[in-house]
């Protein structure tokens, strides 16, 4: 089957599409879509988790964060809540 060379097709464009590349940006979009605040503590937690490459639990995360200047004020409820939100946002998976 031959296609005539004089047939022209319209030029199509999707326009510009912005994507969130970092876990921090994805999480901020998730929170904003639900009307939640993007707090400094949440940012610190997401940054710390995104830098990990091994399994961990919330208590390990709490211990590690409390050893850092930025995470020293992170509370246990905030860590548990943020980890749950990260699971809901598709950034983490629970491991039993």
PDB file of N, CA and C in Angstrom:
ATOM      1  N   UNK A   1       0.851  -1.159   0.000  1.00  0.00           N
ATOM      2  CA  UNK A   1       0.000   0.000   0.000  1.00  0.00           C
ATOM      3  C   UNK A   1       0.903   1.231   0.000  1.00  0.00           C
ATOM      4  N   UNK A   2       0.715   2.090  -0.937  1.00  0.00           N
ATOM      5  CA  UNK A   2       1.534   3.291  -1.067  1.00  0.00           C
ATOM      6  C   UNK A   2       0.760   4.480  -0.535  1.00  0.00           C
ATOM      7  N   UNK A   3       1.484   5.416   0.020  1.00  0.00           N
ATOM      8  CA  UNK A   3       0.877   6.652   0.520  1.00  0.00           C
ATOM      9  C   UNK A   3       1.287   7.765  -0.426  1.00  0.00           C
ATOM     10  N   UNK A   4       0.328   8.515  -0.860  1.00  0.00           N
ATOM     11  CA  UNK A   4       0.618   9.607  -1.786  1.00  0.00           C
ATOM     12  C   UNK A   4       1.484  10.641  -1.095  1.00  0.00           C
ATOM     13  N   UNK A   5       2.489  11.109  -1.795  1.00  0.00           N
ATOM     14  CA  UNK A   5       3.425  12.056  -1.206  1.00  0.00           C
ATOM     15  C   UNK A   5       2.852  13.457  -1.093  1.00  0.00           C
ATOM     16  N   UNK A   6       1.744  13.716  -1.750  1.00  0.00           N
ATOM     17  CA  UNK A   6       1.169  15.058  -1.689  1.00  0.00           C
ATOM     18  C   UNK A   6       0.171  15.203  -0.546  1.00  0.00           C
ATOM     19  N   UNK A   7       0.013  14.161   0.284  1.00  0.00           N
ATOM     20  CA  UNK A   7      -0.887  14.214   1.427  1.00  0.00           C
ATOM     21  C   UNK A   7      -0.139  14.876   2.579  1.00  0.00           C
ATOM     22  N   UNK A   8      -0.726  15.902   3.143  1.00  0.00           N
ATOM     23  CA  UNK A   8      -0.070  16.557   4.276  1.00  0.00           C
ATOM     24  C   UNK A   8      -0.893  16.321   5.541  1.00  0.00           C
ATOM     25  N   UNK A   9      -0.181  16.178   6.594  1.00  0.00           N
ATOM     26  CA  UNK A   9      -0.815  15.954   7.881  1.00  0.00           C
ATOM     27  C   UNK A   9      -0.664  17.221   8.713  1.00  0.00           C
ATOM     28  N   UNK A  10      -1.668  17.534   9.512  1.00  0.00           N
ATOM     29  CA  UNK A  10      -1.546  18.734  10.357  1.00  0.00           C
ATOM     30  C   UNK A  10      -0.456  18.529  11.415  1.00  0.00           C
ATOM     31  N   UNK A  11       0.184  19.594  11.754  1.00  0.00           N
ATOM     32  CA  UNK A  11       1.194  19.541  12.794  1.00  0.00           C
ATOM     33  C   UNK A  11       0.469  19.569  14.129  1.00  0.00           C
ATOM     34  N   UNK A  12       0.750  18.588  14.951  1.00  0.00           N
ATOM     35  CA  UNK A  12       0.101  18.475  16.250  1.00  0.00           C
ATOM     36  C   UNK A  12       1.115  18.756  17.343  1.00  0.00           C
ATOM     37  N   UNK A  13       0.638  19.346  18.400  1.00  0.00           N
ATOM     38  CA  UNK A  13       1.524  19.630  19.523  1.00  0.00           C
ATOM     39  C   UNK A  13       0.771  19.389  20.818  1.00  0.00           C
ATOM     40  N   UNK A  14       1.465  18.827  21.754  1.00  0.00           N
ATOM     41  CA  UNK A  14       0.875  18.636  23.072  1.00  0.00           C
ATOM     42  C   UNK A  14       1.073  19.872  23.937  1.00  0.00           C
ATOM     43  N   UNK A  15       1.844  20.806  23.458  1.00  0.00           N
ATOM     44  CA  UNK A  15       2.151  21.966  24.279  1.00  0.00           C
ATOM     45  C   UNK A  15       3.184  21.582  25.317  1.00  0.00           C
ATOM     46  N   UNK A  16       3.387  22.443  26.254  1.00  0.00           N
ATOM     47  CA  UNK A  16       4.360  22.120  27.289  1.00  0.00           C
ATOM     48  C   UNK A  16       3.658  21.358  28.405  1.00  0.00           C
ATOM     49  N   UNK A  17       4.322  20.353  28.879  1.00  0.00           N
ATOM     50  CA  UNK A  17       3.797  19.540  29.963  1.00  0.00           C
ATOM     51  C   UNK A  17       4.814  19.597  31.091  1.00  0.00           C
ATOM     52  N   UNK A  18       4.370  20.068  32.236  1.00  0.00           N
ATOM     53  CA  UNK A  18       5.252  20.115  33.383  1.00  0.00           C
ATOM     54  C   UNK A  18       5.079  18.832  34.186  1.00  0.00           C
ATOM     55  N   UNK A  19       6.188  18.262  34.551  1.00  0.00           N
ATOM     56  CA  UNK A  19       6.140  17.051  35.364  1.00  0.00           C
ATOM     57  C   UNK A  19       6.948  17.258  36.636  1.00  0.00           C
ATOM     58  N   UNK A  20       6.525  16.612  37.669  1.00  0.00           N
ATOM     59  CA  UNK A  20       7.272  16.645  38.923  1.00  0.00           C
ATOM     60  C   UNK A  20       8.257  15.495  38.894  1.00  0.00           C
ATOM     61  N   UNK A  21       9.497  15.826  38.979  1.00  0.00           N
ATOM     62  CA  UNK A  21      10.513  14.787  38.885  1.00  0.00           C
ATOM     63  C   UNK A  21      10.969  14.289  40.248  1.00  0.00           C
ATOM     64  N   UNK A  22      11.007  15.163  41.208  1.00  0.00           N
ATOM     65  CA  UNK A  22      11.531  14.755  42.505  1.00  0.00           C
ATOM     66  C   UNK A  22      10.411  14.259  43.419  1.00  0.00           C
ATOM     67  N   UNK A  23      10.765  13.388  44.357  1.00  0.00           N
ATOM     68  CA  UNK A  23       9.761  12.945  45.332  1.00  0.00           C
ATOM     69  C   UNK A  23       9.186  14.127  46.122  1.00  0.00           C
ATOM     70  N   UNK A  24      10.023  15.108  46.422  1.00  0.00           N
ATOM     71  CA  UNK A  24       9.575  16.296  47.147  1.00  0.00           C
ATOM     72  C   UNK A  24       8.472  17.026  46.372  1.00  0.00           C
ATOM     73  N   UNK A  25       8.694  17.241  45.084  1.00  0.00           N
ATOM     74  CA  UNK A  25       7.696  17.931  44.256  1.00  0.00           C
ATOM     75  C   UNK A  25       6.414  17.117  44.141  1.00  0.00           C
ATOM     76  N   UNK A  26       6.548  15.817  43.949  1.00  0.00           N
ATOM     77  CA  UNK A  26       5.356  14.966  43.864  1.00  0.00           C
ATOM     78  C   UNK A  26       4.557  15.003  45.162  1.00  0.00           C
ATOM     79  N   UNK A  27       5.265  14.970  46.287  1.00  0.00           N
ATOM     80  CA  UNK A  27       4.582  14.986  47.579  1.00  0.00           C
ATOM     81  C   UNK A  27       3.907  16.326  47.826  1.00  0.00           C
ATOM     82  N   UNK A  28       4.582  17.417  47.449  1.00  0.00           N
ATOM     83  CA  UNK A  28       3.975  18.739  47.613  1.00  0.00           C
ATOM     84  C   UNK A  28       2.709  18.873  46.779  1.00  0.00           C
ATOM     85  N   UNK A  29       2.723  18.361  45.554  1.00  0.00           N
ATOM     86  CA  UNK A  29       1.515  18.386  44.721  1.00  0.00           C
ATOM     87  C   UNK A  29       0.397  17.576  45.374  1.00  0.00           C
ATOM     88  N   UNK A  30       0.739  16.422  45.900  1.00  0.00           N
ATOM     89  CA  UNK A  30      -0.228  15.560  46.577  1.00  0.00           C
ATOM     90  C   UNK A  30      -0.874  16.307  47.744  1.00  0.00           C
ATOM     91  N   UNK A  31      -0.054  16.924  48.586  1.00  0.00           N
ATOM     92  CA  UNK A  31      -0.583  17.649  49.749  1.00  0.00           C
ATOM     93  C   UNK A  31      -1.457  18.826  49.320  1.00  0.00           C
ATOM     94  N   UNK A  32      -0.969  19.600  48.367  1.00  0.00           N
ATOM     95  CA  UNK A  32      -1.713  20.771  47.921  1.00  0.00           C
ATOM     96  C   UNK A  32      -3.055  20.384  47.315  1.00  0.00           C
ATOM     97  N   UNK A  33      -3.100  19.274  46.598  1.00  0.00           N
ATOM     98  CA  UNK A  33      -4.357  18.813  46.001  1.00  0.00           C
ATOM     99  C   UNK A  33      -5.380  18.438  47.069  1.00  0.00           C
ATOM    100  N   UNK A  34      -4.903  18.129  48.256  1.00  0.00           N
ATOM    101  CA  UNK A  34      -5.794  17.763  49.365  1.00  0.00           C
ATOM    102  C   UNK A  34      -5.962  18.885  50.383  1.00  0.00           C
ATOM    103  N   UNK A  35      -5.444  20.053  50.047  1.00  0.00           N
ATOM    104  CA  UNK A  35      -5.595  21.209  50.926  1.00  0.00           C
ATOM    105  C   UNK A  35      -4.748  21.141  52.189  1.00  0.00           C
ATOM    106  N   UNK A  36      -3.664  20.369  52.152  1.00  0.00           N
ATOM    107  CA  UNK A  36      -2.792  20.246  53.323  1.00  0.00           C
ATOM    108  C   UNK A  36      -1.566  21.127  53.157  1.00  0.00           C
ATOM    109  N   UNK A  37      -1.009  21.539  54.282  1.00  0.00           N
ATOM    110  CA  UNK A  37       0.157  22.410  54.259  1.00  0.00           C
ATOM    111  C   UNK A  37       1.438  21.618  54.010  1.00  0.00           C
ATOM    112  N   UNK A  38       2.353  22.273  53.337  1.00  0.00           N
ATOM    113  CA  UNK A  38       3.685  21.714  53.131  1.00  0.00           C
ATOM    114  C   UNK A  38       4.568  22.339  54.203  1.00  0.00           C
ATOM    115  N   UNK A  39       4.809  21.583  55.268  1.00  0.00           N
ATOM    116  CA  UNK A  39       5.559  22.118  56.399  1.00  0.00           C
ATOM    117  C   UNK A  39       7.039  21.763  56.278  1.00  0.00           C
ATOM    118  N   UNK A  40       7.846  22.463  57.043  1.00  0.00           N
ATOM    119  CA  UNK A  40       9.287  22.195  57.065  1.00  0.00           C
ATOM    120  C   UNK A  40       9.549  20.772  57.533  1.00  0.00           C
ATOM    121  N   UNK A  41       8.824  20.314  58.551  1.00  0.00           N
ATOM    122  CA  UNK A  41       9.016  18.947  59.053  1.00  0.00           C
ATOM    123  C   UNK A  41       8.708  17.908  57.980  1.00  0.00           C
ATOM    124  N   UNK A  42       7.636  18.119  57.230  1.00  0.00           N
ATOM    125  CA  UNK A  42       7.308  17.179  56.153  1.00  0.00           C
ATOM    126  C   UNK A  42       8.409  17.174  55.101  1.00  0.00           C
ATOM    127  N   UNK A  43       8.926  18.345  54.752  1.00  0.00           N
ATOM    128  CA  UNK A  43      10.013  18.420  53.768  1.00  0.00           C
ATOM    129  C   UNK A  43      11.244  17.651  54.242  1.00  0.00           C
ATOM    130  N   UNK A  44      11.595  17.831  55.504  1.00  0.00           N
ATOM    131  CA  UNK A  44      12.765  17.148  56.062  1.00  0.00           C
ATOM    132  C   UNK A  44      12.564  15.636  56.000  1.00  0.00           C
ATOM    133  N   UNK A  45      11.389  15.181  56.356  1.00  0.00           N
ATOM    134  CA  UNK A  45      11.098  13.742  56.349  1.00  0.00           C
ATOM    135  C   UNK A  45      11.178  13.190  54.931  1.00  0.00           C
ATOM    136  N   UNK A  46      10.543  13.860  53.982  1.00  0.00           N
ATOM    137  CA  UNK A  46      10.549  13.388  52.592  1.00  0.00           C
ATOM    138  C   UNK A  46      11.970  13.381  52.034  1.00  0.00           C
ATOM    139  N   UNK A  47      12.735  14.420  52.307  1.00  0.00           N
ATOM    140  CA  UNK A  47      14.123  14.470  51.831  1.00  0.00           C
ATOM    141  C   UNK A  47      14.937  13.319  52.402  1.00  0.00           C
ATOM    142  N   UNK A  48      14.765  13.064  53.679  1.00  0.00           N
ATOM    143  CA  UNK A  48      15.519  11.987  54.324  1.00  0.00           C
ATOM    144  C   UNK A  48      15.124  10.625  53.754  1.00  0.00           C
ATOM    145  N   UNK A  49      13.841  10.395  53.606  1.00  0.00           N
ATOM    146  CA  UNK A  49      13.358   9.119  53.076  1.00  0.00           C
ATOM    147  C   UNK A  49      13.811   8.937  51.622  1.00  0.00           C
ATOM    148  N   UNK A  50      13.748  10.001  50.840  1.00  0.00           N
ATOM    149  CA  UNK A  50      14.127   9.908  49.424  1.00  0.00           C
ATOM    150  C   UNK A  50      15.608   9.582  49.261  1.00  0.00           C
ATOM    151  N   UNK A  51      16.406   9.916  50.248  1.00  0.00           N
ATOM    152  CA  UNK A  51      17.830   9.625  50.186  1.00  0.00           C
ATOM    153  C   UNK A  51      18.206   8.227  50.651  1.00  0.00           C
ATOM    154  N   UNK A  52      17.235   7.480  51.133  1.00  0.00           N
ATOM    155  CA  UNK A  52      17.489   6.123  51.639  1.00  0.00           C
ATOM    156  C   UNK A  52      17.369   5.113  50.504  1.00  0.00           C
ATOM    157  N   UNK A  53      18.102   4.019  50.649  1.00  0.00           N
ATOM    158  CA  UNK A  53      18.005   2.954  49.650  1.00  0.00           C
ATOM    159  C   UNK A  53      17.806   1.590  50.295  1.00  0.00           C
ATOM    160  N   UNK A  54      17.428   1.593  51.558  1.00  0.00           N
ATOM    161  CA  UNK A  54      17.179   0.333  52.247  1.00  0.00           C
ATOM    162  C   UNK A  54      15.863   0.427  53.022  1.00  0.00           C
ATOM    163  N   UNK A  55      15.368  -0.711  53.437  1.00  0.00           N
ATOM    164  CA  UNK A  55      14.117  -0.748  54.197  1.00  0.00           C
ATOM    165  C   UNK A  55      14.329  -0.097  55.562  1.00  0.00           C
ATOM    166  N   UNK A  56      13.262   0.471  56.102  1.00  0.00           N
ATOM    167  CA  UNK A  56      13.328   1.100  57.415  1.00  0.00           C
ATOM    168  C   UNK A  56      11.939   1.096  58.012  1.00  0.00           C
ATOM    169  N   UNK A  57      11.873   1.344  59.306  1.00  0.00           N
ATOM    170  CA  UNK A  57      10.568   1.534  59.934  1.00  0.00           C
ATOM    171  C   UNK A  57      10.523   2.949  60.518  1.00  0.00           C
ATOM    172  N   UNK A  58       9.372   3.332  60.973  1.00  0.00           N
ATOM    173  CA  UNK A  58       9.169   4.703  61.451  1.00  0.00           C
ATOM    174  C   UNK A  58      10.065   5.032  62.640  1.00  0.00           C
ATOM    175  N   UNK A  59      10.279   4.066  63.503  1.00  0.00           N
ATOM    176  CA  UNK A  59      11.117   4.324  64.678  1.00  0.00           C
ATOM    177  C   UNK A  59      12.581   4.531  64.287  1.00  0.00           C
ATOM    178  N   UNK A  60      13.068   3.772  63.311  1.00  0.00           N
ATOM    179  CA  UNK A  60      14.426   3.993  62.813  1.00  0.00           C
ATOM    180  C   UNK A  60      14.544   5.390  62.210  1.00  0.00           C
ATOM    181  N   UNK A  61      13.547   5.776  61.446  1.00  0.00           N
ATOM    182  CA  UNK A  61      13.541   7.104  60.836  1.00  0.00           C
ATOM    183  C   UNK A  61      13.560   8.183  61.909  1.00  0.00           C
ATOM    184  N   UNK A  62      12.753   8.021  62.934  1.00  0.00           N
ATOM    185  CA  UNK A  62      12.711   8.981  64.028  1.00  0.00           C
ATOM    186  C   UNK A  62      14.083   9.110  64.687  1.00  0.00           C
ATOM    187  N   UNK A  63      14.726   7.984  64.976  1.00  0.00           N
ATOM    188  CA  UNK A  63      16.060   8.003  65.586  1.00  0.00           C
ATOM    189  C   UNK A  63      17.071   8.722  64.693  1.00  0.00           C
ATOM    190  N   UNK A  64      17.032   8.430  63.400  1.00  0.00           N
ATOM    191  CA  UNK A  64      17.968   9.059  62.469  1.00  0.00           C
ATOM    192  C   UNK A  64      17.725  10.561  62.355  1.00  0.00           C
ATOM    193  N   UNK A  65      16.463  10.946  62.261  1.00  0.00           N
ATOM    194  CA  UNK A  65      16.140  12.367  62.118  1.00  0.00           C
ATOM    195  C   UNK A  65      16.536  13.164  63.353  1.00  0.00           C
ATOM    196  N   UNK A  66      16.362  12.586  64.508  1.00  0.00           N
ATOM    197  CA  UNK A  66      16.686  13.300  65.747  1.00  0.00           C
ATOM    198  C   UNK A  66      18.183  13.546  65.906  1.00  0.00           C
ATOM    199  N   UNK A  67      18.995  12.845  65.131  1.00  0.00           N
ATOM    200  CA  UNK A  67      20.446  13.048  65.152  1.00  0.00           C
ATOM    201  C   UNK A  67      20.887  14.178  64.214  1.00  0.00           C
ATOM    202  N   UNK A  68      19.936  14.703  63.432  1.00  0.00           N
ATOM    203  CA  UNK A  68      20.272  15.774  62.499  1.00  0.00           C
ATOM    204  C   UNK A  68      19.703  17.092  63.011  1.00  0.00           C
ATOM    205  N   UNK A  69      20.334  18.170  62.618  1.00  0.00           N
ATOM    206  CA  UNK A  69      19.852  19.490  63.036  1.00  0.00           C
ATOM    207  C   UNK A  69      18.469  19.770  62.447  1.00  0.00           C
ATOM    208  N   UNK A  70      18.299  19.462  61.166  1.00  0.00           N
ATOM    209  CA  UNK A  70      17.024  19.745  60.494  1.00  0.00           C
ATOM    210  C   UNK A  70      15.877  18.889  61.018  1.00  0.00           C
ATOM    211  N   UNK A  71      16.173  17.665  61.428  1.00  0.00           N
ATOM    212  CA  UNK A  71      15.118  16.762  61.852  1.00  0.00           C
ATOM    213  C   UNK A  71      14.966  16.613  63.342  1.00  0.00           C
ATOM    214  N   UNK A  72      15.727  17.378  64.112  1.00  0.00           N
ATOM    215  CA  UNK A  72      15.727  17.226  65.567  1.00  0.00           C
ATOM    216  C   UNK A  72      14.351  17.476  66.184  1.00  0.00           C
ATOM    217  N   UNK A  73      13.552  18.306  65.533  1.00  0.00           N
ATOM    218  CA  UNK A  73      12.236  18.647  66.092  1.00  0.00           C
ATOM    219  C   UNK A  73      11.099  17.800  65.530  1.00  0.00           C
ATOM    220  N   UNK A  74      11.414  16.841  64.681  1.00  0.00           N
ATOM    221  CA  UNK A  74      10.373  15.993  64.102  1.00  0.00           C
ATOM    222  C   UNK A  74       9.726  15.154  65.198  1.00  0.00           C
ATOM    223  N   UNK A  75       8.424  15.169  65.234  1.00  0.00           N
ATOM    224  CA  UNK A  75       7.711  14.417  66.268  1.00  0.00           C
ATOM    225  C   UNK A  75       7.277  13.052  65.721  1.00  0.00           C
ATOM    226  N   UNK A  76       7.083  12.126  66.612  1.00  0.00           N
ATOM    227  CA  UNK A  76       6.640  10.779  66.244  1.00  0.00           C
ATOM    228  C   UNK A  76       5.312  10.832  65.458  1.00  0.00           C
ATOM    229  N   UNK A  77       4.290  11.555  65.945  1.00  0.00           N
ATOM    230  CA  UNK A  77       3.035  11.602  65.175  1.00  0.00           C
ATOM    231  C   UNK A  77       3.217  12.180  63.772  1.00  0.00           C
ATOM    232  N   UNK A  78       4.064  13.204  63.637  1.00  0.00           N
ATOM    233  CA  UNK A  78       4.295  13.789  62.315  1.00  0.00           C
ATOM    234  C   UNK A  78       4.972  12.793  61.394  1.00  0.00           C
ATOM    235  N   UNK A  79       5.921  12.032  61.918  1.00  0.00           N
ATOM    236  CA  UNK A  79       6.595  11.022  61.091  1.00  0.00           C
ATOM    237  C   UNK A  79       5.610   9.955  60.641  1.00  0.00           C
ATOM    238  N   UNK A  80       4.826   9.428  61.551  1.00  0.00           N
ATOM    239  CA  UNK A  80       3.851   8.394  61.176  1.00  0.00           C
ATOM    240  C   UNK A  80       2.830   8.938  60.172  1.00  0.00           C
ATOM    241  N   UNK A  81       2.346  10.139  60.398  1.00  0.00           N
ATOM    242  CA  UNK A  81       1.365  10.744  59.506  1.00  0.00           C
ATOM    243  C   UNK A  81       1.974  10.986  58.119  1.00  0.00           C
ATOM    244  N   UNK A  82       3.191  11.505  58.085  1.00  0.00           N
ATOM    245  CA  UNK A  82       3.845  11.799  56.813  1.00  0.00           C
ATOM    246  C   UNK A  82       4.152  10.526  56.043  1.00  0.00           C
ATOM    247  N   UNK A  83       4.600   9.486  56.729  1.00  0.00           N
ATOM    248  CA  UNK A  83       4.851   8.216  56.044  1.00  0.00           C
ATOM    249  C   UNK A  83       3.559   7.649  55.456  1.00  0.00           C
ATOM    250  N   UNK A  84       2.475   7.752  56.193  1.00  0.00           N
ATOM    251  CA  UNK A  84       1.184   7.290  55.681  1.00  0.00           C
ATOM    252  C   UNK A  84       0.768   8.090  54.450  1.00  0.00           C
ATOM    253  N   UNK A  85       0.978   9.392  54.497  1.00  0.00           N
ATOM    254  CA  UNK A  85       0.656  10.238  53.337  1.00  0.00           C
ATOM    255  C   UNK A  85       1.551   9.916  52.148  1.00  0.00           C
ATOM    256  N   UNK A  86       2.806   9.579  52.412  1.00  0.00           N
ATOM    257  CA  UNK A  86       3.712   9.204  51.325  1.00  0.00           C
ATOM    258  C   UNK A  86       3.260   7.899  50.670  1.00  0.00           C
ATOM    259  N   UNK A  87       2.725   6.978  51.462  1.00  0.00           N
ATOM    260  CA  UNK A  87       2.164   5.743  50.903  1.00  0.00           C
ATOM    261  C   UNK A  87       0.958   6.093  50.037  1.00  0.00           C
ATOM    262  N   UNK A  88       0.073   6.945  50.549  1.00  0.00           N
ATOM    263  CA  UNK A  88      -1.113   7.362  49.790  1.00  0.00           C
ATOM    264  C   UNK A  88      -0.727   8.069  48.489  1.00  0.00           C
ATOM    265  N   UNK A  89       0.389   8.796  48.513  1.00  0.00           N
ATOM    266  CA  UNK A  89       0.849   9.524  47.324  1.00  0.00           C
ATOM    267  C   UNK A  89       1.580   8.625  46.337  1.00  0.00           C
ATOM    268  N   UNK A  90       1.804   7.375  46.731  1.00  0.00           N
ATOM    269  CA  UNK A  90       2.489   6.435  45.834  1.00  0.00           C
ATOM    270  C   UNK A  90       4.011   6.553  45.883  1.00  0.00           C
ATOM    271  N   UNK A  91       4.530   7.218  46.882  1.00  0.00           N
ATOM    272  CA  UNK A  91       5.983   7.387  47.004  1.00  0.00           C
ATOM    273  C   UNK A  91       6.641   6.291  47.824  1.00  0.00           C
ATOM    274  N   UNK A  92       5.874   5.613  48.641  1.00  0.00           N
ATOM    275  CA  UNK A  92       6.375   4.522  49.482  1.00  0.00           C
ATOM    276  C   UNK A  92       5.422   3.346  49.411  1.00  0.00           C
ATOM    277  N   UNK A  93       5.946   2.195  49.724  1.00  0.00           N
ATOM    278  CA  UNK A  93       5.107   1.009  49.871  1.00  0.00           C
ATOM    279  C   UNK A  93       5.350   0.440  51.247  1.00  0.00           C
ATOM    280  N   UNK A  94       4.299  -0.076  51.850  1.00  0.00           N
ATOM    281  CA  UNK A  94       4.462  -0.709  53.159  1.00  0.00           C
ATOM    282  C   UNK A  94       5.014  -2.101  52.949  1.00  0.00           C
ATOM    283  N   UNK A  95       5.764  -2.532  53.907  1.00  0.00           N
ATOM    284  CA  UNK A  95       6.403  -3.839  53.829  1.00  0.00           C
ATOM    285  C   UNK A  95       6.125  -4.558  55.141  1.00  0.00           C
ATOM    286  N   UNK A  96       5.475  -5.667  55.061  1.00  0.00           N
ATOM    287  CA  UNK A  96       5.111  -6.426  56.272  1.00  0.00           C
ATOM    288  C   UNK A  96       6.117  -7.486  56.565  1.00  0.00           C
TER     289      UNK A  96
END
